[in-house]
Amino acid sequence: MSSVYNVKLEAFEGPLDLLLHLIRKNEVDIYDIPVSTITRQYLEYIKLMKDLNLEIAGEFLVMASTLIQIKSKMLLPVVPDDEAVAEEEDPRAELVRRLLEYQRYKDAAEQLDARQLLGRDQFARSPGPPEGEGAGEEQEAVEVELFELVDAFRRVLSQISEERFHEVGTDSISIADRINEILDRIAGTQALSFDDLFSTDRSRDYLVVTFLAILELCKLKMVKVMQAERYEPIWIVPVLLDDAAEEPDGKF
């Protein structure tokens, strides 16, 4: 990249959001977290975010230390004492309590937000080509979480050939220039496919700049990143300049 550009993750989501995302992604019981697996994946996310020049809040690093500590305790041999005592001393217990409490607050906040913005973020029709029965029917839109977006970007990177991945010096472009290009492409459209912004014949740096430009546009509230349903294709949706003032129904 032509220059270092930091996007503060505090503006998006925190370490507990990442843990909840990993728990959902791995489809594991929150009361029986496989600490070794979750820790490894959590550290992989931290590494990728650092590679992307994302400014990681201190809380992410504190949580990484906490997970490593819990993992270390879980690896210690269990003294054959009373099983009830062993359960009480489960090193994961405090983390589980924090996650459950955070999830309750998050769910409550989302319910309140849904009441205030009832009917806003809805698809009047599928943003992509109509397919099958029910195409064109109104359905509730889902705003994509940061770490789902990171997962989508990781899939993009996995499709780059080794030659392109390590290519240096080509496709030099600034974040500001890429933001302007995205705004030009999205102007006058209802939605733009996330994948359409990433061409696997471009260099890794170019793709990284594109991803950071999307994050910056989200932070500036110039676009929303949406899905018709969770795990469906991701769409970049322009936000009208008068959205914040007039709070229209947000249908497209």
Protein backbone atom coordinates (compact mmCIF):
# COMPACT_ATOMS: atom_id res chain seq x y z
CA MET A 1 0.00 0.00 0.00
CA SER A 2 1.14 3.49 -0.66
CA SER A 3 0.82 4.49 2.97
CA VAL A 4 -0.19 3.15 6.37
CA TYR A 5 -3.84 3.74 7.08
CA ASN A 6 -5.42 2.89 10.41
CA VAL A 7 -9.07 2.11 11.01
CA LYS A 8 -9.98 1.95 14.68
CA LEU A 9 -11.90 -1.23 15.45
CA GLU A 10 -13.53 0.49 18.43
CA ALA A 11 -15.83 2.16 15.89
CA PHE A 12 -17.11 -1.26 14.90
CA GLU A 13 -17.03 -4.17 17.36
CA GLY A 14 -15.01 -5.44 20.29
CA PRO A 15 -13.31 -8.65 21.48
CA LEU A 16 -16.51 -10.14 22.93
CA ASP A 17 -18.17 -9.68 19.53
CA LEU A 18 -15.30 -11.60 17.95
CA LEU A 19 -15.63 -14.43 20.48
CA LEU A 20 -19.39 -14.67 19.92
CA HIS A 21 -18.77 -14.71 16.18
CA LEU A 22 -16.29 -17.60 16.55
CA ILE A 23 -18.70 -19.53 18.80
CA ARG A 24 -21.49 -19.17 16.22
CA LYS A 25 -19.14 -19.97 13.35
CA ASN A 26 -17.91 -23.16 15.02
CA GLU A 27 -21.43 -24.05 16.19
CA VAL A 28 -20.25 -24.87 19.70
CA ASP A 29 -21.98 -24.68 23.06
CA ILE A 30 -21.19 -21.41 24.81
CA TYR A 31 -21.15 -23.34 28.12
CA ASP A 32 -18.52 -25.75 26.78
CA ILE A 33 -16.18 -23.58 24.71
CA PRO A 34 -13.31 -25.50 23.02
CA VAL A 35 -10.73 -23.04 24.27
CA SER A 36 -7.83 -24.38 22.20
CA THR A 37 -9.72 -24.00 18.90
CA ILE A 38 -11.25 -20.63 19.74
CA THR A 39 -7.91 -19.24 20.96
CA ARG A 40 -6.13 -20.31 17.78
CA GLN A 41 -8.79 -18.74 15.57
CA TYR A 42 -8.93 -15.58 17.70
CA LEU A 43 -5.16 -15.11 17.32
CA GLU A 44 -5.48 -15.67 13.55
CA TYR A 45 -8.00 -12.82 13.40
CA ILE A 46 -5.70 -10.58 15.43
CA LYS A 47 -2.81 -11.33 13.05
CA LEU A 48 -4.94 -10.63 9.97
CA MET A 49 -6.23 -7.37 11.43
CA LYS A 50 -2.67 -6.28 12.16
CA ASP A 51 -1.67 -7.21 8.60
CA LEU A 52 -4.51 -4.99 7.38
CA ASN A 53 -3.18 -2.09 9.47
CA LEU A 54 -6.33 -2.10 11.56
CA GLU A 55 -5.71 -0.30 14.82
CA ILE A 56 -6.54 -2.94 17.42
CA ALA A 57 -7.87 -1.64 20.71
CA GLY A 58 -6.07 -2.78 23.85
CA GLU A 59 -9.11 -4.83 24.86
CA PHE A 60 -8.45 -7.24 21.98
CA LEU A 61 -4.93 -7.94 23.25
CA VAL A 62 -6.15 -8.30 26.84
CA MET A 63 -8.70 -10.88 25.69
CA ALA A 64 -5.97 -12.71 23.76
CA SER A 65 -3.95 -12.95 26.98
CA THR A 66 -7.03 -14.13 28.88
CA LEU A 67 -7.69 -16.89 26.35
CA ILE A 68 -4.08 -18.05 26.45
CA GLN A 69 -4.22 -18.12 30.25
CA ILE A 70 -7.44 -20.13 30.23
CA LYS A 71 -5.97 -22.51 27.67
CA SER A 72 -2.90 -23.01 29.88
CA LYS A 73 -5.07 -23.80 32.90
CA MET A 74 -7.13 -26.26 30.86
CA LEU A 75 -3.94 -28.12 29.91
CA LEU A 76 -2.93 -28.65 33.54
CA PRO A 77 -3.52 -32.21 34.84
CA VAL A 78 -6.75 -32.54 36.84
CA VAL A 79 -6.27 -33.69 40.41
CA PRO A 80 -8.76 -36.52 41.06
CA ASP A 81 -10.73 -34.63 43.71
CA ASP A 82 -14.43 -34.09 44.12
CA GLU A 83 -15.97 -33.54 40.64
CA ALA A 84 -18.22 -30.79 41.96
CA VAL A 85 -15.20 -28.81 43.11
CA ALA A 86 -13.55 -29.33 39.72
CA GLU A 87 -16.62 -27.93 37.98
CA GLU A 88 -16.62 -24.85 40.17
CA GLU A 89 -13.01 -24.24 39.24
CA ASP A 90 -13.61 -24.41 35.48
CA PRO A 91 -11.33 -21.64 34.15
CA ARG A 92 -13.89 -20.85 31.45
CA ALA A 93 -16.68 -19.96 33.88
CA GLU A 94 -15.92 -16.22 34.19
CA LEU A 95 -15.53 -15.84 30.42
CA VAL A 96 -18.85 -17.62 29.81
CA ARG A 97 -20.56 -15.33 32.32
CA ARG A 98 -19.19 -12.25 30.55
CA LEU A 99 -20.24 -13.54 27.14
CA LEU A 100 -23.78 -14.34 28.27
CA GLU A 101 -24.17 -10.96 29.97
CA TYR A 102 -22.83 -9.15 26.90
CA GLN A 103 -25.12 -11.13 24.60
CA ARG A 104 -28.15 -10.16 26.71
CA TYR A 105 -27.28 -6.46 26.51
CA LYS A 106 -26.58 -6.77 22.79
CA ASP A 107 -29.90 -8.51 22.12
CA ALA A 108 -31.77 -5.88 24.15
CA ALA A 109 -30.08 -3.06 22.24
CA GLU A 110 -30.92 -4.66 18.89
CA GLN A 111 -34.57 -5.08 19.90
CA LEU A 112 -34.82 -1.43 20.91
CA ASP A 113 -33.14 -0.37 17.68
CA ALA A 114 -35.50 -2.56 15.66
CA ARG A 115 -38.51 -0.86 17.27
CA GLN A 116 -37.21 2.61 16.48
CA LEU A 117 -36.31 1.77 12.89
CA LEU A 118 -39.18 -0.63 12.15
CA GLY A 119 -39.45 -1.17 8.42
CA ARG A 120 -36.29 0.73 7.50
CA ASP A 121 -33.68 -1.81 6.48
CA GLN A 122 -35.73 -4.00 4.21
CA PHE A 123 -35.30 -5.26 0.72
CA ALA A 124 -38.24 -4.36 -1.49
CA ARG A 125 -36.73 -6.93 -3.83
CA SER A 126 -33.61 -9.01 -3.96
CA PRO A 127 -30.62 -6.77 -4.83
CA GLY A 128 -29.36 -9.44 -7.19
CA PRO A 129 -31.04 -11.10 -10.17
CA PRO A 130 -34.43 -12.69 -9.24
CA GLU A 131 -34.12 -16.39 -8.65
CA GLY A 132 -36.82 -18.94 -7.96
CA GLU A 133 -40.11 -18.48 -6.21
CA GLY A 134 -40.55 -15.58 -3.84
CA ALA A 135 -38.14 -13.33 -5.73
CA GLY A 136 -39.21 -9.75 -5.38
CA GLU A 137 -40.96 -10.34 -2.07
CA GLU A 138 -40.08 -7.93 0.71
CA GLN A 139 -37.76 -9.42 3.32
CA GLU A 140 -35.91 -8.05 6.27
CA ALA A 141 -32.30 -7.08 5.61
CA VAL A 142 -29.48 -7.98 7.97
CA GLU A 143 -26.54 -5.65 8.54
CA VAL A 144 -23.28 -7.55 8.25
CA GLU A 145 -21.08 -7.71 11.33
CA LEU A 146 -17.44 -6.70 11.05
CA PHE A 147 -16.03 -10.18 11.57
CA GLU A 148 -18.34 -11.70 8.98
CA LEU A 149 -16.98 -9.08 6.61
CA VAL A 150 -13.44 -10.09 7.58
CA ASP A 151 -14.36 -13.72 6.81
CA ALA A 152 -15.63 -12.67 3.38
CA PHE A 153 -12.37 -10.83 2.72
CA ARG A 154 -10.33 -13.85 3.82
CA ARG A 155 -12.19 -15.90 1.22
CA VAL A 156 -11.24 -13.31 -1.39
CA LEU A 157 -7.56 -13.50 -0.39
CA SER A 158 -7.65 -17.31 -0.55
CA GLN A 159 -8.52 -17.09 -4.27
CA ILE A 160 -5.41 -15.10 -5.21
CA SER A 161 -2.63 -16.98 -6.95
CA GLU A 162 0.73 -17.13 -5.18
CA GLU A 163 2.29 -14.94 -7.87
CA ARG A 164 -0.30 -12.21 -7.39
CA PHE A 165 -0.28 -12.54 -3.60
CA HIS A 166 3.41 -11.66 -3.36
CA GLU A 167 3.47 -9.12 -6.18
CA VAL A 168 4.81 -5.78 -4.97
CA GLY A 169 4.68 -2.33 -6.50
CA THR A 170 1.76 -2.79 -8.91
CA ASP A 171 -1.77 -1.47 -8.53
CA SER A 172 -0.52 1.34 -6.28
CA ILE A 173 -3.54 3.30 -5.09
CA SER A 174 -4.45 5.28 -1.99
CA ILE A 175 -7.41 4.56 0.27
CA ALA A 176 -8.90 7.96 -0.59
CA ASP A 177 -8.70 7.19 -4.33
CA ARG A 178 -10.31 3.77 -3.83
CA ILE A 179 -13.09 5.34 -1.74
CA ASN A 180 -13.83 7.72 -4.62
CA GLU A 181 -13.84 4.84 -7.10
CA ILE A 182 -16.30 2.87 -4.99
CA LEU A 183 -18.56 5.90 -4.59
CA ASP A 184 -18.49 6.40 -8.37
CA ARG A 185 -19.46 2.76 -8.96
CA ILE A 186 -22.24 2.79 -6.40
CA ALA A 187 -23.70 6.15 -7.47
CA GLY A 188 -27.23 5.75 -8.81
CA THR A 189 -27.41 2.06 -7.87
CA GLN A 190 -29.48 0.33 -5.22
CA ALA A 191 -26.68 -2.03 -4.18
CA LEU A 192 -23.31 -3.31 -5.34
CA SER A 193 -22.07 -6.83 -4.74
CA PHE A 194 -19.16 -7.07 -2.27
CA ASP A 195 -17.44 -9.62 -4.51
CA ASP A 196 -17.67 -7.30 -7.53
CA LEU A 197 -15.28 -4.89 -5.83
CA PHE A 198 -12.56 -7.53 -5.64
CA SER A 199 -10.86 -8.85 -8.74
CA THR A 200 -8.52 -11.76 -8.09
CA ASP A 201 -6.24 -10.62 -10.95
CA ARG A 202 -5.21 -7.60 -8.88
CA SER A 203 -2.43 -7.51 -6.29
CA ARG A 204 -2.97 -8.27 -2.62
CA ASP A 205 -2.23 -4.65 -1.66
CA TYR A 206 -4.95 -3.43 -4.02
CA LEU A 207 -7.47 -5.80 -2.41
CA VAL A 208 -6.42 -4.73 1.08
CA VAL A 209 -6.88 -1.07 0.14
CA THR A 210 -10.34 -1.92 -1.23
CA PHE A 211 -11.34 -3.61 2.02
CA LEU A 212 -10.09 -0.71 4.13
CA ALA A 213 -11.97 1.72 1.87
CA ILE A 214 -15.20 -0.21 2.54
CA LEU A 215 -14.58 -0.06 6.31
CA GLU A 216 -13.93 3.67 6.13
CA LEU A 217 -17.13 4.24 4.13
CA CYS A 218 -19.04 2.29 6.78
CA LYS A 219 -17.47 4.35 9.55
CA LEU A 220 -18.40 7.54 7.71
CA LYS A 221 -21.96 6.17 7.33
CA MET A 222 -21.82 6.61 3.58
CA VAL A 223 -22.65 2.96 2.91
CA LYS A 224 -24.17 0.01 4.70
CA VAL A 225 -23.05 -3.58 4.28
CA MET A 226 -26.13 -5.78 4.10
CA GLN A 227 -27.38 -9.29 3.43
CA ALA A 228 -30.88 -10.51 2.56
CA GLU A 229 -30.25 -13.17 5.20
CA ARG A 230 -27.29 -14.23 7.31
CA TYR A 231 -24.67 -16.09 5.24
CA GLU A 232 -26.24 -14.85 1.98
CA PRO A 233 -24.23 -12.76 -0.54
CA ILE A 234 -23.01 -9.43 0.82
CA TRP A 235 -24.13 -6.12 -0.72
CA ILE A 236 -22.76 -2.60 -0.39
CA VAL A 237 -25.74 -0.25 -0.08
CA PRO A 238 -25.40 3.52 -0.52
CA VAL A 239 -26.75 5.73 2.27
CA LEU A 240 -28.59 8.80 1.05
CA LEU A 241 -27.25 12.11 2.36
CA ASP A 242 -30.57 12.94 3.99
CA ASP A 243 -30.97 9.54 5.66
CA ALA A 244 -29.72 10.69 9.02
CA ALA A 245 -31.91 13.78 9.05
CA GLU A 246 -35.14 12.40 7.64
CA GLU A 247 -34.88 8.73 8.65
CA PRO A 248 -36.74 7.36 5.60
CA ASP A 249 -37.93 3.77 5.35
CA GLY A 250 -34.59 2.61 3.90
CA LYS A 251 -36.16 0.28 1.32
CA PHE A 252 -34.41 -0.39 -1.93
